[in-house]
C-alpha atoms as a PDB file:
ATOM      1  CA  MET A   1      15.123  12.428  32.057  1.00  0.00           C
ATOM      2  CA  ALA A   2      15.823  16.078  31.421  1.00  0.00           C
ATOM      3  CA  ASP A   3      13.066  18.015  29.708  1.00  0.00           C
ATOM      4  CA  ALA A   4      15.291  18.877  26.720  1.00  0.00           C
ATOM      5  CA  SER A   5      16.180  15.223  26.121  1.00  0.00           C
ATOM      6  CA  HIS A   6      12.532  14.210  26.501  1.00  0.00           C
ATOM      7  CA  ASP A   7      11.499  16.862  23.981  1.00  0.00           C
ATOM      8  CA  GLN A   8      14.203  15.754  21.532  1.00  0.00           C
ATOM      9  CA  LEU A   9      13.178  12.117  21.782  1.00  0.00           C
ATOM     10  CA  ALA A  10       9.493  12.994  21.419  1.00  0.00           C
ATOM     11  CA  SER A  11      10.324  14.965  18.286  1.00  0.00           C
ATOM     12  CA  VAL A  12      12.323  12.083  16.768  1.00  0.00           C
ATOM     13  CA  VAL A  13       9.531   9.629  17.564  1.00  0.00           C
ATOM     14  CA  ARG A  14       6.860  11.896  16.052  1.00  0.00           C
ATOM     15  CA  GLN A  15       8.908  12.437  12.901  1.00  0.00           C
ATOM     16  CA  HIS A  16      10.119   8.902  12.265  1.00  0.00           C
ATOM     17  CA  ALA A  17       8.286   6.196  14.237  1.00  0.00           C
ATOM     18  CA  GLY A  18       5.660   5.575  11.564  1.00  0.00           C
ATOM     19  CA  GLN A  19       8.244   5.277   8.805  1.00  0.00           C
ATOM     20  CA  LEU A  20      10.417   3.023  10.955  1.00  0.00           C
ATOM     21  CA  ALA A  21       7.462   0.809  11.897  1.00  0.00           C
ATOM     22  CA  ALA A  22       6.498   0.492   8.221  1.00  0.00           C
ATOM     23  CA  ALA A  23      10.047  -0.516   7.259  1.00  0.00           C
ATOM     24  CA  LEU A  24      10.199  -3.031  10.103  1.00  0.00           C
ATOM     25  CA  MET A  25       6.795  -4.370   9.077  1.00  0.00           C
ATOM     26  CA  ARG A  26       8.185  -5.086   5.615  1.00  0.00           C
ATOM     27  CA  VAL A  27      11.191  -6.872   7.142  1.00  0.00           C
ATOM     28  CA  THR A  28       9.375  -8.842   9.848  1.00  0.00           C
ATOM     29  CA  GLY A  29       6.022  -9.301   8.139  1.00  0.00           C
ATOM     30  CA  ASP A  30       4.324  -8.667  11.470  1.00  0.00           C
ATOM     31  CA  PHE A  31       2.872  -5.348  12.612  1.00  0.00           C
ATOM     32  CA  ALA A  32       2.961  -6.219  16.332  1.00  0.00           C
ATOM     33  CA  THR A  33       6.652  -7.138  16.117  1.00  0.00           C
ATOM     34  CA  ALA A  34       7.412  -3.944  14.212  1.00  0.00           C
ATOM     35  CA  LYS A  35       5.654  -1.853  16.885  1.00  0.00           C
ATOM     36  CA  ASP A  36       7.537  -3.714  19.627  1.00  0.00           C
ATOM     37  CA  LEU A  37      10.870  -3.022  17.918  1.00  0.00           C
ATOM     38  CA  VAL A  38      10.078   0.697  17.664  1.00  0.00           C
ATOM     39  CA  GLN A  39       9.108   0.727  21.350  1.00  0.00           C
ATOM     40  CA  ASP A  40      12.355  -1.068  22.228  1.00  0.00           C
ATOM     41  CA  ALA A  41      14.336   1.621  20.379  1.00  0.00           C
ATOM     42  CA  VAL A  42      12.496   4.388  22.233  1.00  0.00           C
ATOM     43  CA  LEU A  43      13.083   2.626  25.556  1.00  0.00           C
ATOM     44  CA  ALA A  44      16.800   2.303  24.775  1.00  0.00           C
ATOM     45  CA  ALA A  45      16.918   6.046  24.061  1.00  0.00           C
ATOM     46  CA  LEU A  46      15.094   6.815  27.304  1.00  0.00           C
ATOM     47  CA  GLN A  47      17.641   4.726  29.201  1.00  0.00           C
ATOM     48  CA  HIS A  48      20.697   6.148  27.424  1.00  0.00           C
ATOM     49  CA  TRP A  49      19.931   9.847  27.144  1.00  0.00           C
ATOM     50  CA  PRO A  50      19.642  10.642  30.874  1.00  0.00           C
ATOM     51  CA  ALA A  51      23.160   9.284  31.460  1.00  0.00           C
ATOM     52  CA  GLY A  52      24.930  10.434  28.327  1.00  0.00           C
ATOM     53  CA  GLY A  53      22.668  13.126  26.992  1.00  0.00           C
ATOM     54  CA  SER A  54      21.416  13.287  23.439  1.00  0.00           C
ATOM     55  CA  ARG A  55      23.987  14.322  20.909  1.00  0.00           C
ATOM     56  CA  THR A  56      24.811  14.024  17.255  1.00  0.00           C
ATOM     57  CA  GLY A  57      25.890  10.494  16.466  1.00  0.00           C
ATOM     58  CA  CYS A  58      23.849   8.936  19.256  1.00  0.00           C
ATOM     59  CA  PRO A  59      22.522   5.552  18.041  1.00  0.00           C
ATOM     60  CA  ALA A  60      19.013   6.557  19.089  1.00  0.00           C
ATOM     61  CA  THR A  61      19.004   9.359  16.513  1.00  0.00           C
ATOM     62  CA  THR A  62      21.238   7.970  13.786  1.00  0.00           C
ATOM     63  CA  SER A  63      19.426   4.646  13.573  1.00  0.00           C
ATOM     64  CA  TRP A  64      16.145   6.260  12.508  1.00  0.00           C
ATOM     65  CA  PRO A  65      15.552   6.139   8.752  1.00  0.00           C
ATOM     66  CA  HIS A  66      16.098   9.385   6.922  1.00  0.00           C
ATOM     67  CA  GLY A  67      14.084  10.097   3.794  1.00  0.00           C
END
């Protein structure tokens, strides 16, 4: 993964992972499941961004909740 993509993903995770996990906790009722779902989203971004690069409209960035 390119350093720029890694930095972008790390920034998105730092900014939104807690909020996303809390929302998923409310939906699933299970903290472990919520954490797993957040990790799955990060893994999907790690797999996608090296091939396609991060860009506006990428599901990995647009799927995060915005407050």
